[in-house]
């Protein structure tokens, strides 16, 4: 079966693998942020936007522009916290898998 460019095969469970990747990356970063011992000014913003991303992933068909906005806010809020860089990169990669829709 031919697929259009940018489309990915849906897994046997019916879930888009991009959504599963987004869900996993967001969950990981939320855990890392919760475990991070240092408080910083914009932590609440990061937590709120990660919660929004998690909700979008649960919905199954996230809105790309909204995801990108949330990603920018999260990156701005925790971008200077090097301990969270790998988790943030994973979320960014998961968002980028959705393309430019």
Protein backbone atom coordinates (compact mmCIF):
# COMPACT_ATOMS: atom_id res chain seq x y z
CA UNK A 1 0.00 0.00 0.00
CA UNK A 2 1.35 3.45 -0.89
CA UNK A 3 1.44 6.20 1.65
CA UNK A 4 1.75 9.93 1.14
CA UNK A 5 4.97 11.64 2.08
CA UNK A 6 4.97 12.43 5.78
CA UNK A 7 2.41 9.81 6.73
CA UNK A 8 3.49 7.05 9.04
CA UNK A 9 2.08 3.62 9.51
CA UNK A 10 -0.32 3.34 12.41
CA UNK A 11 0.67 0.67 14.93
CA UNK A 12 -1.45 -2.41 15.55
CA UNK A 13 -3.11 -0.74 18.52
CA UNK A 14 -4.44 2.01 16.28
CA UNK A 15 -2.30 4.74 17.84
CA UNK A 16 -0.19 6.97 15.63
CA UNK A 17 3.46 6.26 16.55
CA UNK A 18 4.17 10.01 16.51
CA UNK A 19 1.56 10.51 19.23
CA UNK A 20 3.05 7.66 21.25
CA UNK A 21 6.51 9.24 20.92
CA UNK A 22 5.16 12.63 22.00
CA UNK A 23 3.41 11.08 24.99
CA UNK A 24 6.57 9.23 26.08
CA UNK A 25 8.86 12.25 25.64
CA UNK A 26 6.52 14.58 27.53
CA UNK A 27 6.04 12.07 30.35
CA UNK A 28 9.81 11.67 30.69
CA UNK A 29 10.45 15.43 30.82
CA UNK A 30 7.63 15.91 33.33
CA UNK A 31 9.22 13.28 35.60
CA UNK A 32 12.65 14.86 35.23
CA UNK A 33 11.27 18.32 35.99
CA UNK A 34 9.40 17.03 39.05
CA UNK A 35 12.59 15.42 40.33
CA UNK A 36 14.76 18.47 39.65
CA UNK A 37 15.62 19.88 43.09
CA UNK A 38 16.28 23.47 42.09
CA UNK A 39 13.40 25.92 41.85
CA UNK A 40 13.55 28.47 39.04
CA UNK A 41 11.35 31.38 38.08
CA UNK A 42 9.50 29.89 35.12
CA UNK A 43 9.07 26.35 36.43
CA UNK A 44 5.29 26.77 36.65
CA UNK A 45 5.12 27.79 33.00
CA UNK A 46 7.08 24.69 32.00
CA UNK A 47 4.83 22.46 34.11
CA UNK A 48 1.65 24.00 32.66
CA UNK A 49 2.80 23.68 29.06
CA UNK A 50 4.01 20.12 29.56
CA UNK A 51 0.57 19.32 30.98
CA UNK A 52 -0.98 20.87 27.86
CA UNK A 53 1.28 18.78 25.62
CA UNK A 54 0.37 15.65 27.57
CA UNK A 55 -3.32 16.43 27.11
CA UNK A 56 -2.82 16.92 23.37
CA UNK A 57 -1.07 13.56 23.16
CA UNK A 58 -3.92 11.89 25.06
CA UNK A 59 -6.36 13.40 22.56
CA UNK A 60 -4.63 11.55 19.75
CA UNK A 61 -4.59 14.28 17.10
CA UNK A 62 -2.55 17.20 18.41
CA UNK A 63 -2.67 20.60 16.74
CA UNK A 64 0.81 21.27 15.38
CA UNK A 65 0.82 25.04 15.87
CA UNK A 66 -0.35 24.68 19.48
CA UNK A 67 2.32 22.03 20.14
CA UNK A 68 5.01 24.30 18.74
CA UNK A 69 3.83 27.19 20.90
CA UNK A 70 3.95 24.97 23.99
CA UNK A 71 7.39 23.72 23.02
CA UNK A 72 8.69 27.29 22.70
CA UNK A 73 7.30 28.18 26.11
CA UNK A 74 8.82 25.07 27.70
CA UNK A 75 12.17 25.72 26.02
CA UNK A 76 12.13 29.32 27.19
CA UNK A 77 11.25 28.28 30.72
CA UNK A 78 13.80 25.48 31.17
CA UNK A 79 16.25 26.05 28.34
CA UNK A 80 19.08 27.09 30.65
CA UNK A 81 18.69 24.08 32.97
CA UNK A 82 21.29 21.73 31.51
CA UNK A 83 20.05 18.75 33.54
CA UNK A 84 16.80 18.86 31.54
CA UNK A 85 18.38 19.34 28.10
CA UNK A 86 18.08 15.72 26.92
CA UNK A 87 14.42 15.51 27.91
CA UNK A 88 13.69 18.82 26.21
CA UNK A 89 15.45 17.62 23.05
CA UNK A 90 13.29 14.48 23.06
CA UNK A 91 10.10 16.55 23.29
CA UNK A 92 11.34 18.80 20.50
CA UNK A 93 12.08 15.78 18.32
CA UNK A 94 8.63 14.35 18.99
CA UNK A 95 6.94 17.64 18.06
CA UNK A 96 9.02 17.92 14.89
CA UNK A 97 7.80 14.49 13.75
CA UNK A 98 4.40 16.08 13.07
CA UNK A 99 5.84 18.35 10.37
CA UNK A 100 4.44 21.69 9.30
CA UNK A 101 0.72 20.94 8.98
